[in-house]
Amino acid sequence: NIYIAGHPEERYNENNPGVGFRYETPGDFRKIAIGGVYLNSIRMATYYAGAGLKWRIFGDDKTYLDAGFVAGGATGYNPGISPVALPLLSVGVDRVSVSVMAFPEYKESPATIMIVSSLRLK
């Protein structure tokens, strides 16, 4: 996974590189597990892990549109682990997909839209 996120305010880091993994079960109703690390908007490493569900709205394994959610936790924004619950929308063609996730505002962390590009290995 490659992560790209941005904020309109200059005080935030606009370049958020990172690496991660996503595992999905096959079928139209998919269980997913995610985890990884990225440099967040306040220039600290964020480690995250979560699990969720996705539904196939359109297509097959070659071309598809999926919707779902992921819930889990992330570090790096506040002391301890911040809970996250994210809506998810994915579009894929062959082995490449792009997912959009929305982080809600939480304490001092701003609301964020995350765009994730993925390359399926298998």
PDB file of N, CA and C in Angstrom:
ATOM      1  N   ASN A   1       0.835  -1.179   0.000  1.00  0.00           N
ATOM      2  CA  ASN A   1       0.000   0.000   0.000  1.00  0.00           C
ATOM      3  C   ASN A   1       0.879   1.242   0.000  1.00  0.00           C
ATOM      4  N   ILE A   2       0.443   2.267  -0.663  1.00  0.00           N
ATOM      5  CA  ILE A   2       1.106   3.566  -0.650  1.00  0.00           C
ATOM      6  C   ILE A   2       0.064   4.569  -0.202  1.00  0.00           C
ATOM      7  N   TYR A   3       0.405   5.430   0.740  1.00  0.00           N
ATOM      8  CA  TYR A   3      -0.554   6.339   1.331  1.00  0.00           C
ATOM      9  C   TYR A   3      -0.269   7.770   0.909  1.00  0.00           C
ATOM     10  N   ILE A   4      -1.303   8.488   0.574  1.00  0.00           N
ATOM     11  CA  ILE A   4      -1.197   9.896   0.244  1.00  0.00           C
ATOM     12  C   ILE A   4      -2.352  10.595   0.943  1.00  0.00           C
ATOM     13  N   ALA A   5      -2.050  11.605   1.723  1.00  0.00           N
ATOM     14  CA  ALA A   5      -3.107  12.354   2.407  1.00  0.00           C
ATOM     15  C   ALA A   5      -2.688  13.805   2.472  1.00  0.00           C
ATOM     16  N   GLY A   6      -3.637  14.713   2.604  1.00  0.00           N
ATOM     17  CA  GLY A   6      -3.292  16.117   2.668  1.00  0.00           C
ATOM     18  C   GLY A   6      -4.268  16.913   3.494  1.00  0.00           C
ATOM     19  N   HIS A   7      -3.821  18.058   3.967  1.00  0.00           N
ATOM     20  CA  HIS A   7      -4.630  18.970   4.765  1.00  0.00           C
ATOM     21  C   HIS A   7      -4.477  20.374   4.185  1.00  0.00           C
ATOM     22  N   PRO A   8      -5.495  21.202   4.243  1.00  0.00           N
ATOM     23  CA  PRO A   8      -5.402  22.543   3.677  1.00  0.00           C
ATOM     24  C   PRO A   8      -4.565  23.516   4.517  1.00  0.00           C
ATOM     25  N   GLU A   9      -4.272  23.172   5.761  1.00  0.00           N
ATOM     26  CA  GLU A   9      -3.526  24.089   6.608  1.00  0.00           C
ATOM     27  C   GLU A   9      -2.030  23.848   6.475  1.00  0.00           C
ATOM     28  N   GLU A  10      -1.237  24.937   6.443  1.00  0.00           N
ATOM     29  CA  GLU A  10       0.196  24.837   6.232  1.00  0.00           C
ATOM     30  C   GLU A  10       0.930  24.187   7.401  1.00  0.00           C
ATOM     31  N   ARG A  11       0.379  24.216   8.591  1.00  0.00           N
ATOM     32  CA  ARG A  11       1.103  23.666   9.730  1.00  0.00           C
ATOM     33  C   ARG A  11       1.181  22.146   9.704  1.00  0.00           C
ATOM     34  N   TYR A  12       0.459  21.518   8.816  1.00  0.00           N
ATOM     35  CA  TYR A  12       0.485  20.069   8.710  1.00  0.00           C
ATOM     36  C   TYR A  12       1.428  19.612   7.610  1.00  0.00           C
ATOM     37  N   ASN A  13       2.045  18.457   7.819  1.00  0.00           N
ATOM     38  CA  ASN A  13       2.875  17.813   6.820  1.00  0.00           C
ATOM     39  C   ASN A  13       1.976  17.347   5.676  1.00  0.00           C
ATOM     40  N   GLU A  14       2.279  17.773   4.458  1.00  0.00           N
ATOM     41  CA  GLU A  14       1.439  17.427   3.305  1.00  0.00           C
ATOM     42  C   GLU A  14       1.916  16.171   2.586  1.00  0.00           C
ATOM     43  N   ASN A  15       3.031  15.585   3.015  1.00  0.00           N
ATOM     44  CA  ASN A  15       3.559  14.383   2.389  1.00  0.00           C
ATOM     45  C   ASN A  15       3.563  13.278   3.435  1.00  0.00           C
ATOM     46  N   ASN A  16       2.744  12.258   3.260  1.00  0.00           N
ATOM     47  CA  ASN A  16       2.543  11.229   4.278  1.00  0.00           C
ATOM     48  C   ASN A  16       2.902   9.835   3.751  1.00  0.00           C
ATOM     49  N   PRO A  17       4.189   9.589   3.467  1.00  0.00           N
ATOM     50  CA  PRO A  17       4.565   8.279   2.938  1.00  0.00           C
ATOM     51  C   PRO A  17       4.460   7.187   3.988  1.00  0.00           C
ATOM     52  N   GLY A  18       4.239   5.968   3.528  1.00  0.00           N
ATOM     53  CA  GLY A  18       4.173   4.841   4.442  1.00  0.00           C
ATOM     54  C   GLY A  18       4.048   3.534   3.694  1.00  0.00           C
ATOM     55  N   VAL A  19       4.072   2.451   4.447  1.00  0.00           N
ATOM     56  CA  VAL A  19       3.890   1.116   3.877  1.00  0.00           C
ATOM     57  C   VAL A  19       2.913   0.355   4.754  1.00  0.00           C
ATOM     58  N   GLY A  20       2.223  -0.590   4.155  1.00  0.00           N
ATOM     59  CA  GLY A  20       1.265  -1.362   4.921  1.00  0.00           C
ATOM     60  C   GLY A  20       0.864  -2.620   4.193  1.00  0.00           C
ATOM     61  N   PHE A  21      -0.012  -3.381   4.805  1.00  0.00           N
ATOM     62  CA  PHE A  21      -0.524  -4.587   4.186  1.00  0.00           C
ATOM     63  C   PHE A  21      -2.040  -4.601   4.323  1.00  0.00           C
ATOM     64  N   ARG A  22      -2.678  -5.355   3.446  1.00  0.00           N
ATOM     65  CA  ARG A  22      -4.113  -5.599   3.549  1.00  0.00           C
ATOM     66  C   ARG A  22      -4.357  -7.038   3.116  1.00  0.00           C
ATOM     67  N   TYR A  23      -5.056  -7.782   3.926  1.00  0.00           N
ATOM     68  CA  TYR A  23      -5.440  -9.145   3.587  1.00  0.00           C
ATOM     69  C   TYR A  23      -6.953  -9.179   3.442  1.00  0.00           C
ATOM     70  N   GLU A  24      -7.428  -9.835   2.381  1.00  0.00           N
ATOM     71  CA  GLU A  24      -8.866  -9.955   2.145  1.00  0.00           C
ATOM     72  C   GLU A  24      -9.224 -11.400   1.865  1.00  0.00           C
ATOM     73  N   THR A  25     -10.351 -11.832   2.403  1.00  0.00           N
ATOM     74  CA  THR A  25     -10.876 -13.141   2.037  1.00  0.00           C
ATOM     75  C   THR A  25     -11.553 -13.002   0.674  1.00  0.00           C
ATOM     76  N   PRO A  26     -11.650 -14.068  -0.116  1.00  0.00           N
ATOM     77  CA  PRO A  26     -12.300 -13.971  -1.427  1.00  0.00           C
ATOM     78  C   PRO A  26     -13.815 -13.892  -1.311  1.00  0.00           C
ATOM     79  N   GLY A  27     -14.455 -13.482  -2.403  1.00  0.00           N
ATOM     80  CA  GLY A  27     -15.913 -13.476  -2.479  1.00  0.00           C
ATOM     81  C   GLY A  27     -16.501 -12.079  -2.510  1.00  0.00           C
ATOM     82  N   ASP A  28     -17.835 -12.011  -2.597  1.00  0.00           N
ATOM     83  CA  ASP A  28     -18.526 -10.722  -2.647  1.00  0.00           C
ATOM     84  C   ASP A  28     -18.626 -10.064  -1.276  1.00  0.00           C
ATOM     85  N   PHE A  29     -18.533 -10.841  -0.216  1.00  0.00           N
ATOM     86  CA  PHE A  29     -18.557 -10.333   1.159  1.00  0.00           C
ATOM     87  C   PHE A  29     -17.189 -10.674   1.741  1.00  0.00           C
ATOM     88  N   ARG A  30     -16.310  -9.660   1.887  1.00  0.00           N
ATOM     89  CA  ARG A  30     -14.913  -9.898   2.228  1.00  0.00           C
ATOM     90  C   ARG A  30     -14.570  -9.427   3.631  1.00  0.00           C
ATOM     91  N   LYS A  31     -13.901 -10.277   4.379  1.00  0.00           N
ATOM     92  CA  LYS A  31     -13.307  -9.870   5.650  1.00  0.00           C
ATOM     93  C   LYS A  31     -11.924  -9.328   5.319  1.00  0.00           C
ATOM     94  N   ILE A  32     -11.534  -8.217   5.966  1.00  0.00           N
ATOM     95  CA  ILE A  32     -10.232  -7.632   5.680  1.00  0.00           C
ATOM     96  C   ILE A  32      -9.475  -7.356   6.975  1.00  0.00           C
ATOM     97  N   ALA A  33      -8.146  -7.417   6.870  1.00  0.00           N
ATOM     98  CA  ALA A  33      -7.256  -7.043   7.966  1.00  0.00           C
ATOM     99  C   ALA A  33      -6.208  -6.107   7.386  1.00  0.00           C
ATOM    100  N   ILE A  34      -5.896  -5.020   8.099  1.00  0.00           N
ATOM    101  CA  ILE A  34      -4.913  -4.056   7.616  1.00  0.00           C
ATOM    102  C   ILE A  34      -3.922  -3.736   8.733  1.00  0.00           C
ATOM    103  N   GLY A  35      -2.766  -3.244   8.350  1.00  0.00           N
ATOM    104  CA  GLY A  35      -1.776  -2.787   9.311  1.00  0.00           C
ATOM    105  C   GLY A  35      -0.656  -2.078   8.582  1.00  0.00           C
ATOM    106  N   GLY A  36       0.085  -1.241   9.282  1.00  0.00           N
ATOM    107  CA  GLY A  36       1.192  -0.555   8.646  1.00  0.00           C
ATOM    108  C   GLY A  36       1.679   0.629   9.451  1.00  0.00           C
ATOM    109  N   VAL A  37       2.477   1.455   8.782  1.00  0.00           N
ATOM    110  CA  VAL A  37       3.062   2.648   9.393  1.00  0.00           C
ATOM    111  C   VAL A  37       3.181   3.739   8.329  1.00  0.00           C
ATOM    112  N   TYR A  38       2.981   4.988   8.730  1.00  0.00           N
ATOM    113  CA  TYR A  38       3.202   6.120   7.828  1.00  0.00           C
ATOM    114  C   TYR A  38       3.607   7.337   8.650  1.00  0.00           C
ATOM    115  N   LEU A  39       4.212   8.313   7.983  1.00  0.00           N
ATOM    116  CA  LEU A  39       4.581   9.579   8.611  1.00  0.00           C
ATOM    117  C   LEU A  39       3.346  10.465   8.586  1.00  0.00           C
ATOM    118  N   ASN A  40       2.805  10.786   9.764  1.00  0.00           N
ATOM    119  CA  ASN A  40       1.525  11.484   9.795  1.00  0.00           C
ATOM    120  C   ASN A  40       1.670  12.994   9.584  1.00  0.00           C
ATOM    121  N   SER A  41       0.566  13.677   9.648  1.00  0.00           N
ATOM    122  CA  SER A  41       0.510  15.110   9.353  1.00  0.00           C
ATOM    123  C   SER A  41       1.177  15.986  10.393  1.00  0.00           C
ATOM    124  N   ILE A  42       1.465  15.431  11.570  1.00  0.00           N
ATOM    125  CA  ILE A  42       2.193  16.210  12.580  1.00  0.00           C
ATOM    126  C   ILE A  42       3.621  15.679  12.718  1.00  0.00           C
ATOM    127  N   ARG A  43       4.083  15.039  11.626  1.00  0.00           N
ATOM    128  CA  ARG A  43       5.465  14.587  11.473  1.00  0.00           C
ATOM    129  C   ARG A  43       5.902  13.545  12.504  1.00  0.00           C
ATOM    130  N   MET A  44       4.993  12.651  12.844  1.00  0.00           N
ATOM    131  CA  MET A  44       5.303  11.551  13.742  1.00  0.00           C
ATOM    132  C   MET A  44       4.892  10.246  13.058  1.00  0.00           C
ATOM    133  N   ALA A  45       5.557   9.152  13.426  1.00  0.00           N
ATOM    134  CA  ALA A  45       5.188   7.848  12.862  1.00  0.00           C
ATOM    135  C   ALA A  45       3.852   7.408  13.446  1.00  0.00           C
ATOM    136  N   THR A  46       2.956   6.992  12.582  1.00  0.00           N
ATOM    137  CA  THR A  46       1.682   6.415  13.004  1.00  0.00           C
ATOM    138  C   THR A  46       1.703   4.936  12.652  1.00  0.00           C
ATOM    139  N   TYR A  47       1.515   4.106  13.663  1.00  0.00           N
ATOM    140  CA  TYR A  47       1.360   2.666  13.484  1.00  0.00           C
ATOM    141  C   TYR A  47      -0.127   2.365  13.630  1.00  0.00           C
ATOM    142  N   TYR A  48      -0.662   1.543  12.746  1.00  0.00           N
ATOM    143  CA  TYR A  48      -2.092   1.265  12.798  1.00  0.00           C
ATOM    144  C   TYR A  48      -2.370  -0.206  12.519  1.00  0.00           C
ATOM    145  N   ALA A  49      -3.497  -0.661  13.003  1.00  0.00           N
ATOM    146  CA  ALA A  49      -3.982  -2.013  12.721  1.00  0.00           C
ATOM    147  C   ALA A  49      -5.500  -1.982  12.806  1.00  0.00           C
ATOM    148  N   GLY A  50      -6.136  -2.810  12.009  1.00  0.00           N
ATOM    149  CA  GLY A  50      -7.594  -2.850  12.050  1.00  0.00           C
ATOM    150  C   GLY A  50      -8.147  -4.035  11.278  1.00  0.00           C
ATOM    151  N   ALA A  51      -9.439  -4.196  11.381  1.00  0.00           N
ATOM    152  CA  ALA A  51     -10.151  -5.248  10.659  1.00  0.00           C
ATOM    153  C   ALA A  51     -11.492  -4.685  10.214  1.00  0.00           C
ATOM    154  N   GLY A  52     -12.058  -5.278   9.191  1.00  0.00           N
ATOM    155  CA  GLY A  52     -13.338  -4.770   8.711  1.00  0.00           C
ATOM    156  C   GLY A  52     -13.993  -5.697   7.712  1.00  0.00           C
ATOM    157  N   LEU A  53     -14.964  -5.143   7.025  1.00  0.00           N
ATOM    158  CA  LEU A  53     -15.746  -5.869   6.031  1.00  0.00           C
ATOM    159  C   LEU A  53     -15.900  -5.029   4.780  1.00  0.00           C
ATOM    160  N   LYS A  54     -15.922  -5.696   3.619  1.00  0.00           N
ATOM    161  CA  LYS A  54     -16.193  -5.028   2.342  1.00  0.00           C
ATOM    162  C   LYS A  54     -17.224  -5.838   1.575  1.00  0.00           C
ATOM    163  N   TRP A  55     -18.045  -5.133   0.826  1.00  0.00           N
ATOM    164  CA  TRP A  55     -19.045  -5.753  -0.032  1.00  0.00           C
ATOM    165  C   TRP A  55     -18.761  -5.369  -1.462  1.00  0.00           C
ATOM    166  N   ARG A  56     -18.896  -6.339  -2.353  1.00  0.00           N
ATOM    167  CA  ARG A  56     -18.727  -6.086  -3.782  1.00  0.00           C
ATOM    168  C   ARG A  56     -20.006  -5.444  -4.295  1.00  0.00           C
ATOM    169  N   ILE A  57     -19.913  -4.194  -4.736  1.00  0.00           N
ATOM    170  CA  ILE A  57     -21.064  -3.469  -5.271  1.00  0.00           C
ATOM    171  C   ILE A  57     -21.234  -3.770  -6.754  1.00  0.00           C
ATOM    172  N   PHE A  58     -20.086  -3.868  -7.441  1.00  0.00           N
ATOM    173  CA  PHE A  58     -20.114  -4.057  -8.890  1.00  0.00           C
ATOM    174  C   PHE A  58     -18.862  -4.812  -9.311  1.00  0.00           C
ATOM    175  N   GLY A  59     -18.992  -5.690 -10.301  1.00  0.00           N
ATOM    176  CA  GLY A  59     -17.842  -6.291 -10.949  1.00  0.00           C
ATOM    177  C   GLY A  59     -17.424  -7.644 -10.436  1.00  0.00           C
ATOM    178  N   ASP A  60     -16.185  -8.003 -10.800  1.00  0.00           N
ATOM    179  CA  ASP A  60     -15.583  -9.276 -10.417  1.00  0.00           C
ATOM    180  C   ASP A  60     -14.141  -8.996  -9.981  1.00  0.00           C
ATOM    181  N   ASP A  61     -13.270 -10.007  -9.947  1.00  0.00           N
ATOM    182  CA  ASP A  61     -11.900  -9.781  -9.484  1.00  0.00           C
ATOM    183  C   ASP A  61     -11.050  -8.981 -10.469  1.00  0.00           C
ATOM    184  N   LYS A  62     -11.492  -8.845 -11.704  1.00  0.00           N
ATOM    185  CA  LYS A  62     -10.745  -8.068 -12.699  1.00  0.00           C
ATOM    186  C   LYS A  62     -11.054  -6.570 -12.614  1.00  0.00           C
ATOM    187  N   THR A  63     -12.317  -6.223 -12.465  1.00  0.00           N
ATOM    188  CA  THR A  63     -12.752  -4.828 -12.373  1.00  0.00           C
ATOM    189  C   THR A  63     -13.869  -4.763 -11.341  1.00  0.00           C
ATOM    190  N   TYR A  64     -13.713  -3.884 -10.342  1.00  0.00           N
ATOM    191  CA  TYR A  64     -14.701  -3.902  -9.264  1.00  0.00           C
ATOM    192  C   TYR A  64     -14.831  -2.559  -8.558  1.00  0.00           C
ATOM    193  N   LEU A  65     -15.936  -2.450  -7.825  1.00  0.00           N
ATOM    194  CA  LEU A  65     -16.205  -1.351  -6.911  1.00  0.00           C
ATOM    195  C   LEU A  65     -16.696  -1.982  -5.614  1.00  0.00           C
ATOM    196  N   ASP A  66     -15.982  -1.724  -4.510  1.00  0.00           N
ATOM    197  CA  ASP A  66     -16.332  -2.266  -3.200  1.00  0.00           C
ATOM    198  C   ASP A  66     -16.600  -1.133  -2.222  1.00  0.00           C
ATOM    199  N   ALA A  67     -17.428  -1.380  -1.232  1.00  0.00           N
ATOM    200  CA  ALA A  67     -17.670  -0.428  -0.143  1.00  0.00           C
ATOM    201  C   ALA A  67     -17.635  -1.204   1.170  1.00  0.00           C
ATOM    202  N   GLY A  68     -17.240  -0.534   2.234  1.00  0.00           N
ATOM    203  CA  GLY A  68     -17.196  -1.200   3.523  1.00  0.00           C
ATOM    204  C   GLY A  68     -16.699  -0.287   4.620  1.00  0.00           C
ATOM    205  N   PHE A  69     -16.103  -0.896   5.650  1.00  0.00           N
ATOM    206  CA  PHE A  69     -15.572  -0.122   6.767  1.00  0.00           C
ATOM    207  C   PHE A  69     -14.432  -0.888   7.423  1.00  0.00           C
ATOM    208  N   VAL A  70     -13.584  -0.148   8.125  1.00  0.00           N
ATOM    209  CA  VAL A  70     -12.484  -0.714   8.897  1.00  0.00           C
ATOM    210  C   VAL A  70     -12.529  -0.070  10.274  1.00  0.00           C
ATOM    211  N   ALA A  71     -12.316  -0.852  11.323  1.00  0.00           N
ATOM    212  CA  ALA A  71     -12.223  -0.335  12.690  1.00  0.00           C
ATOM    213  C   ALA A  71     -10.938  -0.853  13.308  1.00  0.00           C
ATOM    214  N   GLY A  72     -10.303  -0.013  14.121  1.00  0.00           N
ATOM    215  CA  GLY A  72      -9.062  -0.433  14.752  1.00  0.00           C
ATOM    216  C   GLY A  72      -8.475   0.683  15.586  1.00  0.00           C
ATOM    217  N   GLY A  73      -7.150   0.774  15.579  1.00  0.00           N
ATOM    218  CA  GLY A  73      -6.476   1.792  16.371  1.00  0.00           C
ATOM    219  C   GLY A  73      -5.243   2.314  15.666  1.00  0.00           C
ATOM    220  N   ALA A  74      -4.835   3.533  16.040  1.00  0.00           N
ATOM    221  CA  ALA A  74      -3.651   4.174  15.465  1.00  0.00           C
ATOM    222  C   ALA A  74      -2.913   4.935  16.557  1.00  0.00           C
ATOM    223  N   THR A  75      -1.594   4.954  16.445  1.00  0.00           N
ATOM    224  CA  THR A  75      -0.758   5.707  17.376  1.00  0.00           C
ATOM    225  C   THR A  75      -0.234   6.955  16.677  1.00  0.00           C
ATOM    226  N   GLY A  76       0.441   7.808  17.440  1.00  0.00           N
ATOM    227  CA  GLY A  76       1.154   8.919  16.821  1.00  0.00           C
ATOM    228  C   GLY A  76       0.455  10.255  16.826  1.00  0.00           C
ATOM    229  N   TYR A  77      -0.803  10.330  17.193  1.00  0.00           N
ATOM    230  CA  TYR A  77      -1.518  11.597  17.221  1.00  0.00           C
ATOM    231  C   TYR A  77      -1.728  12.093  18.641  1.00  0.00           C
ATOM    232  N   ASN A  78      -2.095  11.239  19.516  1.00  0.00           N
ATOM    233  CA  ASN A  78      -2.328  11.554  20.922  1.00  0.00           C
ATOM    234  C   ASN A  78      -1.617  10.487  21.740  1.00  0.00           C
ATOM    235  N   PRO A  79      -1.375  10.724  23.014  1.00  0.00           N
ATOM    236  CA  PRO A  79      -0.783   9.644  23.816  1.00  0.00           C
ATOM    237  C   PRO A  79      -1.670   8.397  23.755  1.00  0.00           C
ATOM    238  N   GLY A  80      -1.047   7.253  23.666  1.00  0.00           N
ATOM    239  CA  GLY A  80      -1.804   6.010  23.613  1.00  0.00           C
ATOM    240  C   GLY A  80      -2.281   5.686  22.219  1.00  0.00           C
ATOM    241  N   ILE A  81      -3.328   4.911  22.156  1.00  0.00           N
ATOM    242  CA  ILE A  81      -3.885   4.464  20.880  1.00  0.00           C
ATOM    243  C   ILE A  81      -5.212   5.165  20.649  1.00  0.00           C
ATOM    244  N   SER A  82      -5.342   5.797  19.486  1.00  0.00           N
ATOM    245  CA  SER A  82      -6.588   6.465  19.117  1.00  0.00           C
ATOM    246  C   SER A  82      -7.478   5.463  18.389  1.00  0.00           C
ATOM    247  N   PRO A  83      -8.749   5.359  18.785  1.00  0.00           N
ATOM    248  CA  PRO A  83      -9.652   4.467  18.053  1.00  0.00           C
ATOM    249  C   PRO A  83      -9.988   5.060  16.688  1.00  0.00           C
ATOM    250  N   VAL A  84     -10.140   4.200  15.699  1.00  0.00           N
ATOM    251  CA  VAL A  84     -10.548   4.659  14.374  1.00  0.00           C
ATOM    252  C   VAL A  84     -11.653   3.759  13.849  1.00  0.00           C
ATOM    253  N   ALA A  85     -12.605   4.344  13.162  1.00  0.00           N
ATOM    254  CA  ALA A  85     -13.662   3.633  12.451  1.00  0.00           C
ATOM    255  C   ALA A  85     -13.833   4.368  11.137  1.00  0.00           C
ATOM    256  N   LEU A  86     -13.464   3.717  10.041  1.00  0.00           N
ATOM    257  CA  LEU A  86     -13.357   4.398   8.764  1.00  0.00           C
ATOM    258  C   LEU A  86     -14.269   3.803   7.706  1.00  0.00           C
ATOM    259  N   PRO A  87     -15.066   4.626   7.032  1.00  0.00           N
ATOM    260  CA  PRO A  87     -15.751   4.138   5.837  1.00  0.00           C
ATOM    261  C   PRO A  87     -14.709   3.949   4.735  1.00  0.00           C
ATOM    262  N   LEU A  88     -14.974   3.034   3.829  1.00  0.00           N
ATOM    263  CA  LEU A  88     -14.006   2.642   2.812  1.00  0.00           C
ATOM    264  C   LEU A  88     -14.709   2.456   1.476  1.00  0.00           C
ATOM    265  N   LEU A  89     -14.112   2.975   0.418  1.00  0.00           N
ATOM    266  CA  LEU A  89     -14.591   2.778  -0.947  1.00  0.00           C
ATOM    267  C   LEU A  89     -13.384   2.394  -1.793  1.00  0.00           C
ATOM    268  N   SER A  90     -13.447   1.260  -2.517  1.00  0.00           N
ATOM    269  CA  SER A  90     -12.323   0.776  -3.326  1.00  0.00           C
ATOM    270  C   SER A  90     -12.753   0.559  -4.765  1.00  0.00           C
ATOM    271  N   VAL A  91     -11.858   0.940  -5.693  1.00  0.00           N
ATOM    272  CA  VAL A  91     -12.032   0.699  -7.120  1.00  0.00           C
ATOM    273  C   VAL A  91     -10.796  -0.051  -7.579  1.00  0.00           C
ATOM    274  N   GLY A  92     -10.973  -1.150  -8.314  1.00  0.00           N
ATOM    275  CA  GLY A  92      -9.828  -1.921  -8.752  1.00  0.00           C
ATOM    276  C   GLY A  92      -9.947  -2.392 -10.184  1.00  0.00           C
ATOM    277  N   VAL A  93      -8.777  -2.517 -10.821  1.00  0.00           N
ATOM    278  CA  VAL A  93      -8.655  -3.077 -12.160  1.00  0.00           C
ATOM    279  C   VAL A  93      -7.464  -4.023 -12.131  1.00  0.00           C
ATOM    280  N   ASP A  94      -7.690  -5.293 -12.475  1.00  0.00           N
ATOM    281  CA  ASP A  94      -6.670  -6.330 -12.408  1.00  0.00           C
ATOM    282  C   ASP A  94      -6.054  -6.371 -11.010  1.00  0.00           C
ATOM    283  N   ARG A  95      -4.743  -6.138 -10.883  1.00  0.00           N
ATOM    284  CA  ARG A  95      -4.068  -6.240  -9.586  1.00  0.00           C
ATOM    285  C   ARG A  95      -3.916  -4.894  -8.876  1.00  0.00           C
ATOM    286  N   VAL A  96      -4.373  -3.808  -9.464  1.00  0.00           N
ATOM    287  CA  VAL A  96      -4.196  -2.472  -8.903  1.00  0.00           C
ATOM    288  C   VAL A  96      -5.531  -1.952  -8.377  1.00  0.00           C
ATOM    289  N   SER A  97      -5.509  -1.362  -7.169  1.00  0.00           N
ATOM    290  CA  SER A  97      -6.731  -0.758  -6.637  1.00  0.00           C
ATOM    291  C   SER A  97      -6.407   0.559  -5.957  1.00  0.00           C
ATOM    292  N   VAL A  98      -7.420   1.392  -5.865  1.00  0.00           N
ATOM    293  CA  VAL A  98      -7.335   2.657  -5.147  1.00  0.00           C
ATOM    294  C   VAL A  98      -8.496   2.683  -4.171  1.00  0.00           C
ATOM    295  N   SER A  99      -8.179   2.955  -2.898  1.00  0.00           N
ATOM    296  CA  SER A  99      -9.204   3.027  -1.858  1.00  0.00           C
ATOM    297  C   SER A  99      -9.203   4.413  -1.249  1.00  0.00           C
ATOM    298  N   VAL A 100     -10.377   4.868  -0.871  1.00  0.00           N
ATOM    299  CA  VAL A 100     -10.526   6.147  -0.186  1.00  0.00           C
ATOM    300  C   VAL A 100     -11.128   5.851   1.181  1.00  0.00           C
ATOM    301  N   MET A 101     -10.470   6.376   2.225  1.00  0.00           N
ATOM    302  CA  MET A 101     -10.963   6.212   3.594  1.00  0.00           C
ATOM    303  C   MET A 101     -11.080   7.593   4.232  1.00  0.00           C
ATOM    304  N   ALA A 102     -12.033   7.766   5.113  1.00  0.00           N
ATOM    305  CA  ALA A 102     -12.257   9.053   5.774  1.00  0.00           C
ATOM    306  C   ALA A 102     -12.016   8.896   7.277  1.00  0.00           C
ATOM    307  N   PHE A 103     -11.058   9.661   7.802  1.00  0.00           N
ATOM    308  CA  PHE A 103     -10.805   9.708   9.245  1.00  0.00           C
ATOM    309  C   PHE A 103     -11.623  10.857   9.822  1.00  0.00           C
ATOM    310  N   PRO A 104     -12.467  10.618  10.796  1.00  0.00           N
ATOM    311  CA  PRO A 104     -13.196  11.731  11.421  1.00  0.00           C
ATOM    312  C   PRO A 104     -12.271  12.529  12.335  1.00  0.00           C
ATOM    313  N   GLU A 105     -12.642  13.746  12.638  1.00  0.00           N
ATOM    314  CA  GLU A 105     -11.884  14.559  13.593  1.00  0.00           C
ATOM    315  C   GLU A 105     -11.956  13.878  14.960  1.00  0.00           C
ATOM    316  N   TYR A 106     -10.804  13.820  15.652  1.00  0.00           N
ATOM    317  CA  TYR A 106     -10.762  13.178  16.960  1.00  0.00           C
ATOM    318  C   TYR A 106      -9.807  13.955  17.853  1.00  0.00           C
ATOM    319  N   LYS A 107     -10.321  14.513  18.923  1.00  0.00           N
ATOM    320  CA  LYS A 107      -9.544  15.343  19.845  1.00  0.00           C
ATOM    321  C   LYS A 107      -8.796  16.409  19.050  1.00  0.00           C
ATOM    322  N   GLU A 108      -7.462  16.392  19.067  1.00  0.00           N
ATOM    323  CA  GLU A 108      -6.688  17.414  18.352  1.00  0.00           C
ATOM    324  C   GLU A 108      -6.355  17.016  16.919  1.00  0.00           C
ATOM    325  N   SER A 109      -6.744  15.824  16.498  1.00  0.00           N
ATOM    326  CA  SER A 109      -6.447  15.358  15.149  1.00  0.00           C
ATOM    327  C   SER A 109      -7.524  15.838  14.183  1.00  0.00           C
ATOM    328  N   PRO A 110      -7.122  16.456  13.068  1.00  0.00           N
ATOM    329  CA  PRO A 110      -8.117  16.948  12.106  1.00  0.00           C
ATOM    330  C   PRO A 110      -8.747  15.815  11.305  1.00  0.00           C
ATOM    331  N   ALA A 111      -9.902  16.071  10.750  1.00  0.00           N
ATOM    332  CA  ALA A 111     -10.523  15.116   9.835  1.00  0.00           C
ATOM    333  C   ALA A 111      -9.618  14.977   8.608  1.00  0.00           C
ATOM    334  N   THR A 112      -9.524  13.783   8.066  1.00  0.00           N
ATOM    335  CA  THR A 112      -8.590  13.508   6.974  1.00  0.00           C
ATOM    336  C   THR A 112      -9.224  12.557   5.979  1.00  0.00           C
ATOM    337  N   ILE A 113      -8.933  12.771   4.711  1.00  0.00           N
ATOM    338  CA  ILE A 113      -9.275  11.825   3.658  1.00  0.00           C
ATOM    339  C   ILE A 113      -7.971  11.147   3.254  1.00  0.00           C
ATOM    340  N   MET A 114      -7.951   9.809   3.290  1.00  0.00           N
ATOM    341  CA  MET A 114      -6.748   9.069   2.922  1.00  0.00           C
ATOM    342  C   MET A 114      -7.018   8.326   1.622  1.00  0.00           C
ATOM    343  N   ILE A 115      -6.097   8.464   0.685  1.00  0.00           N
ATOM    344  CA  ILE A 115      -6.175   7.752  -0.581  1.00  0.00           C
ATOM    345  C   ILE A 115      -5.051   6.712  -0.572  1.00  0.00           C
ATOM    346  N   VAL A 116      -5.425   5.452  -0.741  1.00  0.00           N
ATOM    347  CA  VAL A 116      -4.478   4.348  -0.646  1.00  0.00           C
ATOM    348  C   VAL A 116      -4.447   3.607  -1.975  1.00  0.00           C
ATOM    349  N   SER A 117      -3.263   3.489  -2.567  1.00  0.00           N
ATOM    350  CA  SER A 117      -3.130   2.673  -3.774  1.00  0.00           C
ATOM    351  C   SER A 117      -2.501   1.343  -3.373  1.00  0.00           C
ATOM    352  N   SER A 118      -2.977   0.264  -3.957  1.00  0.00           N
ATOM    353  CA  SER A 118      -2.517  -1.077  -3.594  1.00  0.00           C
ATOM    354  C   SER A 118      -2.204  -1.895  -4.839  1.00  0.00           C
ATOM    355  N   LEU A 119      -1.239  -2.786  -4.683  1.00  0.00           N
ATOM    356  CA  LEU A 119      -0.903  -3.755  -5.728  1.00  0.00           C
ATOM    357  C   LEU A 119      -1.093  -5.145  -5.136  1.00  0.00           C
ATOM    358  N   ARG A 120      -2.006  -5.903  -5.689  1.00  0.00           N
ATOM    359  CA  ARG A 120      -2.264  -7.266  -5.206  1.00  0.00           C
ATOM    360  C   ARG A 120      -1.102  -8.156  -5.623  1.00  0.00           C
ATOM    361  N   LEU A 121      -0.542  -8.905  -4.691  1.00  0.00           N
ATOM    362  CA  LEU A 121       0.624  -9.745  -4.961  1.00  0.00           C
ATOM    363  C   LEU A 121       0.269 -11.091  -5.574  1.00  0.00           C
ATOM    364  N   LYS A 122      -0.940 -11.538  -5.353  1.00  0.00           N
ATOM    365  CA  LYS A 122      -1.309 -12.871  -5.819  1.00  0.00           C
ATOM    366  C   LYS A 122      -2.453 -12.827  -6.778  1.00  0.00           C
TER     367      LYS A 122
END
